[in-house]
Amino acid sequence: FTSGRGVAVEWDVPAATIEALEAKGHQI
């Protein structure tokens, strides 16, 4: 977690996981 809704993820987090998190409002 960075700030606000911002979340940094490592390079090997699957794209589908990132899309699902973004759908919940996280800024990845």
PDB file of all heavy atoms in Angstrom:
ATOM      1  N   PHE A   1       0.856  -1.185   0.000  1.00  0.00           N
ATOM      2  CA  PHE A   1       0.000   0.000   0.000  1.00  0.00           C
ATOM      3  C   PHE A   1       0.889   1.231   0.000  1.00  0.00           C
ATOM      4  O   PHE A   1       1.851   1.327   0.762  1.00  0.00           O
ATOM      5  CB  PHE A   1      -0.915  -0.029   1.229  1.00  0.00           C
ATOM      6  CG  PHE A   1      -1.558   1.295   1.537  1.00  0.00           C
ATOM      7  CD1 PHE A   1      -2.431   1.888   0.639  1.00  0.00           C
ATOM      8  CD2 PHE A   1      -1.271   1.965   2.719  1.00  0.00           C
ATOM      9  CE1 PHE A   1      -3.016   3.115   0.920  1.00  0.00           C
ATOM     10  CE2 PHE A   1      -1.852   3.185   3.009  1.00  0.00           C
ATOM     11  CZ  PHE A   1      -2.732   3.767   2.112  1.00  0.00           C
ATOM     12  N   THR A   2       0.556   2.216  -0.838  1.00  0.00           N
ATOM     13  CA  THR A   2       1.362   3.437  -0.915  1.00  0.00           C
ATOM     14  C   THR A   2       0.638   4.594  -0.242  1.00  0.00           C
ATOM     15  O   THR A   2       1.031   5.049   0.827  1.00  0.00           O
ATOM     16  CB  THR A   2       1.708   3.760  -2.376  1.00  0.00           C
ATOM     17  OG1 THR A   2       0.499   3.811  -3.157  1.00  0.00           O
ATOM     18  CG2 THR A   2       2.640   2.700  -2.955  1.00  0.00           C
ATOM     19  N   SER A   3      -0.453   5.047  -0.822  1.00  0.00           N
ATOM     20  CA  SER A   3      -1.272   6.092  -0.207  1.00  0.00           C
ATOM     21  C   SER A   3      -2.604   6.139  -0.944  1.00  0.00           C
ATOM     22  O   SER A   3      -2.701   5.670  -2.088  1.00  0.00           O
ATOM     23  CB  SER A   3      -0.584   7.464  -0.269  1.00  0.00           C
ATOM     24  OG  SER A   3      -0.387   7.865  -1.610  1.00  0.00           O
ATOM     25  N   GLY A   4      -3.630   6.695  -0.289  1.00  0.00           N
ATOM     26  CA  GLY A   4      -4.943   6.767  -0.921  1.00  0.00           C
ATOM     27  C   GLY A   4      -5.447   5.390  -1.290  1.00  0.00           C
ATOM     28  O   GLY A   4      -5.611   4.516  -0.444  1.00  0.00           O
ATOM     29  N   ARG A   5      -5.684   5.181  -2.585  1.00  0.00           N
ATOM     30  CA  ARG A   5      -6.071   3.860  -3.093  1.00  0.00           C
ATOM     31  C   ARG A   5      -4.913   3.204  -3.837  1.00  0.00           C
ATOM     32  O   ARG A   5      -5.086   2.181  -4.507  1.00  0.00           O
ATOM     33  CB  ARG A   5      -7.301   3.972  -4.012  1.00  0.00           C
ATOM     34  CG  ARG A   5      -8.590   4.329  -3.278  1.00  0.00           C
ATOM     35  CD  ARG A   5      -9.797   4.188  -4.215  1.00  0.00           C
ATOM     36  NE  ARG A   5     -11.047   4.364  -3.486  1.00  0.00           N
ATOM     37  CZ  ARG A   5     -11.664   5.531  -3.308  1.00  0.00           C
ATOM     38  NH1 ARG A   5     -11.109   6.632  -3.814  1.00  0.00           N
ATOM     39  NH2 ARG A   5     -12.789   5.607  -2.644  1.00  0.00           N
ATOM     40  N   GLY A   6      -3.731   3.775  -3.725  1.00  0.00           N
ATOM     41  CA  GLY A   6      -2.585   3.271  -4.466  1.00  0.00           C
ATOM     42  C   GLY A   6      -1.987   2.017  -3.856  1.00  0.00           C
ATOM     43  O   GLY A   6      -1.791   1.933  -2.641  1.00  0.00           O
ATOM     44  N   VAL A   7      -1.689   1.033  -4.695  1.00  0.00           N
ATOM     45  CA  VAL A   7      -1.046  -0.213  -4.280  1.00  0.00           C
ATOM     46  C   VAL A   7      -0.003  -0.581  -5.330  1.00  0.00           C
ATOM     47  O   VAL A   7      -0.320  -0.669  -6.525  1.00  0.00           O
ATOM     48  CB  VAL A   7      -2.058  -1.374  -4.138  1.00  0.00           C
ATOM     49  CG1 VAL A   7      -1.344  -2.661  -3.734  1.00  0.00           C
ATOM     50  CG2 VAL A   7      -3.140  -1.027  -3.118  1.00  0.00           C
ATOM     51  N   ALA A   8       1.241  -0.763  -4.909  1.00  0.00           N
ATOM     52  CA  ALA A   8       2.287  -1.261  -5.800  1.00  0.00           C
ATOM     53  C   ALA A   8       2.346  -2.777  -5.674  1.00  0.00           C
ATOM     54  O   ALA A   8       2.229  -3.323  -4.571  1.00  0.00           O
ATOM     55  CB  ALA A   8       3.632  -0.648  -5.428  1.00  0.00           C
ATOM     56  N   VAL A   9       2.505  -3.473  -6.800  1.00  0.00           N
ATOM     57  CA  VAL A   9       2.625  -4.928  -6.790  1.00  0.00           C
ATOM     58  C   VAL A   9       3.892  -5.325  -7.531  1.00  0.00           C
ATOM     59  O   VAL A   9       4.383  -4.601  -8.401  1.00  0.00           O
ATOM     60  CB  VAL A   9       1.391  -5.621  -7.412  1.00  0.00           C
ATOM     61  CG1 VAL A   9       0.124  -5.256  -6.649  1.00  0.00           C
ATOM     62  CG2 VAL A   9       1.246  -5.274  -8.895  1.00  0.00           C
ATOM     63  N   GLU A  10       4.395  -6.492  -7.198  1.00  0.00           N
ATOM     64  CA  GLU A  10       5.597  -6.989  -7.873  1.00  0.00           C
ATOM     65  C   GLU A  10       5.274  -7.447  -9.292  1.00  0.00           C
ATOM     66  O   GLU A  10       4.121  -7.727  -9.646  1.00  0.00           O
ATOM     67  CB  GLU A  10       6.233  -8.111  -7.065  1.00  0.00           C
ATOM     68  CG  GLU A  10       6.899  -7.604  -5.798  1.00  0.00           C
ATOM     69  CD  GLU A  10       7.902  -8.589  -5.228  1.00  0.00           C
ATOM     70  OE1 GLU A  10       7.485  -9.499  -4.492  1.00  0.00           O
ATOM     71  OE2 GLU A  10       9.113  -8.441  -5.503  1.00  0.00           O
ATOM     72  N   TRP A  11       6.325  -7.574 -10.070  1.00  0.00           N
ATOM     73  CA  TRP A  11       6.199  -7.860 -11.498  1.00  0.00           C
ATOM     74  C   TRP A  11       5.508  -9.186 -11.783  1.00  0.00           C
ATOM     75  O   TRP A  11       4.896  -9.374 -12.842  1.00  0.00           O
ATOM     76  CB  TRP A  11       7.594  -7.880 -12.138  1.00  0.00           C
ATOM     77  CG  TRP A  11       8.482  -8.965 -11.579  1.00  0.00           C
ATOM     78  CD1 TRP A  11       9.264  -8.882 -10.464  1.00  0.00           C
ATOM     79  CD2 TRP A  11       8.658 -10.291 -12.088  1.00  0.00           C
ATOM     80  NE1 TRP A  11       9.923 -10.073 -10.231  1.00  0.00           N
ATOM     81  CE2 TRP A  11       9.560 -10.953 -11.222  1.00  0.00           C
ATOM     82  CE3 TRP A  11       8.145 -10.988 -13.184  1.00  0.00           C
ATOM     83  CZ2 TRP A  11       9.954 -12.285 -11.421  1.00  0.00           C
ATOM     84  CZ3 TRP A  11       8.539 -12.312 -13.378  1.00  0.00           C
ATOM     85  CH2 TRP A  11       9.435 -12.936 -12.506  1.00  0.00           C
ATOM     86  N   ASP A  12       5.578 -10.152 -10.837  1.00  0.00           N
ATOM     87  CA  ASP A  12       5.053 -11.482 -11.110  1.00  0.00           C
ATOM     88  C   ASP A  12       3.632 -11.694 -10.586  1.00  0.00           C
ATOM     89  O   ASP A  12       3.135 -12.826 -10.577  1.00  0.00           O
ATOM     90  CB  ASP A  12       5.984 -12.559 -10.568  1.00  0.00           C
ATOM     91  CG  ASP A  12       6.475 -12.321  -9.145  1.00  0.00           C
ATOM     92  OD1 ASP A  12       6.304 -11.198  -8.647  1.00  0.00           O
ATOM     93  OD2 ASP A  12       7.053 -13.252  -8.547  1.00  0.00           O
ATOM     94  N   VAL A  13       2.962 -10.631 -10.133  1.00  0.00           N
ATOM     95  CA  VAL A  13       1.538 -10.735  -9.817  1.00  0.00           C
ATOM     96  C   VAL A  13       0.781 -10.871 -11.140  1.00  0.00           C
ATOM     97  O   VAL A  13       0.948 -10.049 -12.048  1.00  0.00           O
ATOM     98  CB  VAL A  13       1.046  -9.500  -9.030  1.00  0.00           C
ATOM     99  CG1 VAL A  13      -0.467  -9.526  -8.877  1.00  0.00           C
ATOM    100  CG2 VAL A  13       1.717  -9.448  -7.659  1.00  0.00           C
ATOM    101  N   PRO A  14      -0.058 -11.896 -11.278  1.00  0.00           N
ATOM    102  CA  PRO A  14      -0.736 -12.124 -12.573  1.00  0.00           C
ATOM    103  C   PRO A  14      -1.611 -10.949 -13.003  1.00  0.00           C
ATOM    104  O   PRO A  14      -2.202 -10.250 -12.189  1.00  0.00           O
ATOM    105  CB  PRO A  14      -1.598 -13.374 -12.302  1.00  0.00           C
ATOM    106  CG  PRO A  14      -0.932 -14.063 -11.148  1.00  0.00           C
ATOM    107  CD  PRO A  14      -0.358 -12.963 -10.299  1.00  0.00           C
ATOM    108  N   ALA A  15      -1.705 -10.777 -14.310  1.00  0.00           N
ATOM    109  CA  ALA A  15      -2.502  -9.682 -14.874  1.00  0.00           C
ATOM    110  C   ALA A  15      -3.965  -9.788 -14.460  1.00  0.00           C
ATOM    111  O   ALA A  15      -4.621  -8.771 -14.195  1.00  0.00           O
ATOM    112  CB  ALA A  15      -2.379  -9.683 -16.400  1.00  0.00           C
ATOM    113  N   ALA A  16      -4.498 -11.009 -14.384  1.00  0.00           N
ATOM    114  CA  ALA A  16      -5.895 -11.185 -13.995  1.00  0.00           C
ATOM    115  C   ALA A  16      -6.139 -10.716 -12.562  1.00  0.00           C
ATOM    116  O   ALA A  16      -7.205 -10.161 -12.250  1.00  0.00           O
ATOM    117  CB  ALA A  16      -6.305 -12.649 -14.147  1.00  0.00           C
ATOM    118  N   THR A  17      -5.152 -10.923 -11.676  1.00  0.00           N
ATOM    119  CA  THR A  17      -5.265 -10.461 -10.291  1.00  0.00           C
ATOM    120  C   THR A  17      -5.272  -8.935 -10.244  1.00  0.00           C
ATOM    121  O   THR A  17      -6.056  -8.326  -9.507  1.00  0.00           O
ATOM    122  CB  THR A  17      -4.101 -11.017  -9.455  1.00  0.00           C
ATOM    123  OG1 THR A  17      -4.132 -12.448  -9.508  1.00  0.00           O
ATOM    124  CG2 THR A  17      -4.200 -10.565  -8.003  1.00  0.00           C
ATOM    125  N   ILE A  18      -4.397  -8.324 -11.032  1.00  0.00           N
ATOM    126  CA  ILE A  18      -4.352  -6.857 -11.089  1.00  0.00           C
ATOM    127  C   ILE A  18      -5.673  -6.299 -11.589  1.00  0.00           C
ATOM    128  O   ILE A  18      -6.217  -5.335 -11.028  1.00  0.00           O
ATOM    129  CB  ILE A  18      -3.176  -6.400 -11.982  1.00  0.00           C
ATOM    130  CG1 ILE A  18      -1.842  -6.773 -11.322  1.00  0.00           C
ATOM    131  CG2 ILE A  18      -3.254  -4.903 -12.253  1.00  0.00           C
ATOM    132  CD1 ILE A  18      -0.632  -6.503 -12.188  1.00  0.00           C
ATOM    133  N   GLU A  19      -6.235  -6.899 -12.627  1.00  0.00           N
ATOM    134  CA  GLU A  19      -7.515  -6.433 -13.170  1.00  0.00           C
ATOM    135  C   GLU A  19      -8.623  -6.533 -12.126  1.00  0.00           C
ATOM    136  O   GLU A  19      -9.476  -5.634 -12.010  1.00  0.00           O
ATOM    137  CB  GLU A  19      -7.876  -7.243 -14.418  1.00  0.00           C
ATOM    138  CG  GLU A  19      -6.970  -6.955 -15.613  1.00  0.00           C
ATOM    139  CD  GLU A  19      -7.224  -7.912 -16.771  1.00  0.00           C
ATOM    140  OE1 GLU A  19      -8.177  -8.725 -16.681  1.00  0.00           O
ATOM    141  OE2 GLU A  19      -6.465  -7.863 -17.750  1.00  0.00           O
ATOM    142  N   ALA A  20      -8.628  -7.629 -11.353  1.00  0.00           N
ATOM    143  CA  ALA A  20      -9.658  -7.810 -10.328  1.00  0.00           C
ATOM    144  C   ALA A  20      -9.512  -6.782  -9.211  1.00  0.00           C
ATOM    145  O   ALA A  20     -10.509  -6.272  -8.683  1.00  0.00           O
ATOM    146  CB  ALA A  20      -9.585  -9.228  -9.769  1.00  0.00           C
ATOM    147  N   LEU A  21      -8.271  -6.462  -8.850  1.00  0.00           N
ATOM    148  CA  LEU A  21      -8.041  -5.435  -7.828  1.00  0.00           C
ATOM    149  C   LEU A  21      -8.452  -4.056  -8.339  1.00  0.00           C
ATOM    150  O   LEU A  21      -9.051  -3.259  -7.608  1.00  0.00           O
ATOM    151  CB  LEU A  21      -6.573  -5.437  -7.410  1.00  0.00           C
ATOM    152  CG  LEU A  21      -6.116  -6.627  -6.551  1.00  0.00           C
ATOM    153  CD1 LEU A  21      -4.598  -6.638  -6.432  1.00  0.00           C
ATOM    154  CD2 LEU A  21      -6.757  -6.578  -5.166  1.00  0.00           C
ATOM    155  N   GLU A  22      -8.148  -3.774  -9.583  1.00  0.00           N
ATOM    156  CA  GLU A  22      -8.547  -2.488 -10.162  1.00  0.00           C
ATOM    157  C   GLU A  22     -10.067  -2.362 -10.232  1.00  0.00           C
ATOM    158  O   GLU A  22     -10.619  -1.271 -10.053  1.00  0.00           O
ATOM    159  CB  GLU A  22      -7.915  -2.330 -11.541  1.00  0.00           C
ATOM    160  CG  GLU A  22      -6.402  -2.092 -11.472  1.00  0.00           C
ATOM    161  CD  GLU A  22      -5.741  -2.015 -12.827  1.00  0.00           C
ATOM    162  OE1 GLU A  22      -6.271  -2.611 -13.791  1.00  0.00           O
ATOM    163  OE2 GLU A  22      -4.685  -1.361 -12.930  1.00  0.00           O
ATOM    164  N   ALA A  23     -10.744  -3.479 -10.458  1.00  0.00           N
ATOM    165  CA  ALA A  23     -12.203  -3.460 -10.486  1.00  0.00           C
ATOM    166  C   ALA A  23     -12.794  -3.110  -9.122  1.00  0.00           C
ATOM    167  O   ALA A  23     -13.918  -2.604  -9.029  1.00  0.00           O
ATOM    168  CB  ALA A  23     -12.739  -4.813 -10.956  1.00  0.00           C
ATOM    169  N   LYS A  24     -12.023  -3.366  -8.051  1.00  0.00           N
ATOM    170  CA  LYS A  24     -12.456  -3.005  -6.702  1.00  0.00           C
ATOM    171  C   LYS A  24     -12.087  -1.564  -6.351  1.00  0.00           C
ATOM    172  O   LYS A  24     -12.359  -1.099  -5.241  1.00  0.00           O
ATOM    173  CB  LYS A  24     -11.833  -3.961  -5.676  1.00  0.00           C
ATOM    174  CG  LYS A  24     -12.353  -5.402  -5.752  1.00  0.00           C
ATOM    175  CD  LYS A  24     -11.658  -6.269  -4.706  1.00  0.00           C
ATOM    176  CE  LYS A  24     -12.116  -7.728  -4.797  1.00  0.00           C
ATOM    177  NZ  LYS A  24     -13.516  -7.894  -4.328  1.00  0.00           N
ATOM    178  N   GLY A  25     -11.429  -0.871  -7.267  1.00  0.00           N
ATOM    179  CA  GLY A  25     -11.092   0.530  -7.037  1.00  0.00           C
ATOM    180  C   GLY A  25      -9.656   0.786  -6.639  1.00  0.00           C
ATOM    181  O   GLY A  25      -9.277   1.940  -6.408  1.00  0.00           O
ATOM    182  N   HIS A  26      -8.829  -0.258  -6.546  1.00  0.00           N
ATOM    183  CA  HIS A  26      -7.422  -0.048  -6.233  1.00  0.00           C
ATOM    184  C   HIS A  26      -6.701   0.532  -7.450  1.00  0.00           C
ATOM    185  O   HIS A  26      -6.976   0.144  -8.591  1.00  0.00           O
ATOM    186  CB  HIS A  26      -6.753  -1.369  -5.838  1.00  0.00           C
ATOM    187  CG  HIS A  26      -7.311  -1.983  -4.596  1.00  0.00           C
ATOM    188  ND1 HIS A  26      -7.012  -1.508  -3.335  1.00  0.00           N
ATOM    189  CD2 HIS A  26      -8.163  -3.028  -4.413  1.00  0.00           C
ATOM    190  CE1 HIS A  26      -7.645  -2.244  -2.431  1.00  0.00           C
ATOM    191  NE2 HIS A  26      -8.359  -3.172  -3.058  1.00  0.00           N
ATOM    192  N   GLN A  27      -5.788   1.427  -7.196  1.00  0.00           N
ATOM    193  CA  GLN A  27      -4.966   2.010  -8.264  1.00  0.00           C
ATOM    194  C   GLN A  27      -3.619   1.295  -8.244  1.00  0.00           C
ATOM    195  O   GLN A  27      -2.770   1.552  -7.396  1.00  0.00           O
ATOM    196  CB  GLN A  27      -4.821   3.511  -8.044  1.00  0.00           C
ATOM    197  CG  GLN A  27      -6.139   4.254  -8.117  1.00  0.00           C
ATOM    198  CD  GLN A  27      -6.055   5.684  -7.637  1.00  0.00           C
ATOM    199  OE1 GLN A  27      -5.036   6.123  -7.116  1.00  0.00           O
ATOM    200  NE2 GLN A  27      -7.142   6.428  -7.795  1.00  0.00           N
ATOM    201  N   ILE A  28      -3.442   0.368  -9.174  1.00  0.00           N
ATOM    202  CA  ILE A  28      -2.317  -0.559  -9.138  1.00  0.00           C
ATOM    203  C   ILE A  28      -1.161  -0.062  -9.998  1.00  0.00           C
ATOM    204  O   ILE A  28      -1.352   0.346 -11.146  1.00  0.00           O
ATOM    205  CB  ILE A  28      -2.747  -1.961  -9.629  1.00  0.00           C
ATOM    206  CG1 ILE A  28      -3.934  -2.482  -8.809  1.00  0.00           C
ATOM    207  CG2 ILE A  28      -1.576  -2.926  -9.557  1.00  0.00           C
ATOM    208  CD1 ILE A  28      -3.651  -2.686  -7.345  1.00  0.00           C
TER     209      ILE A  28
END
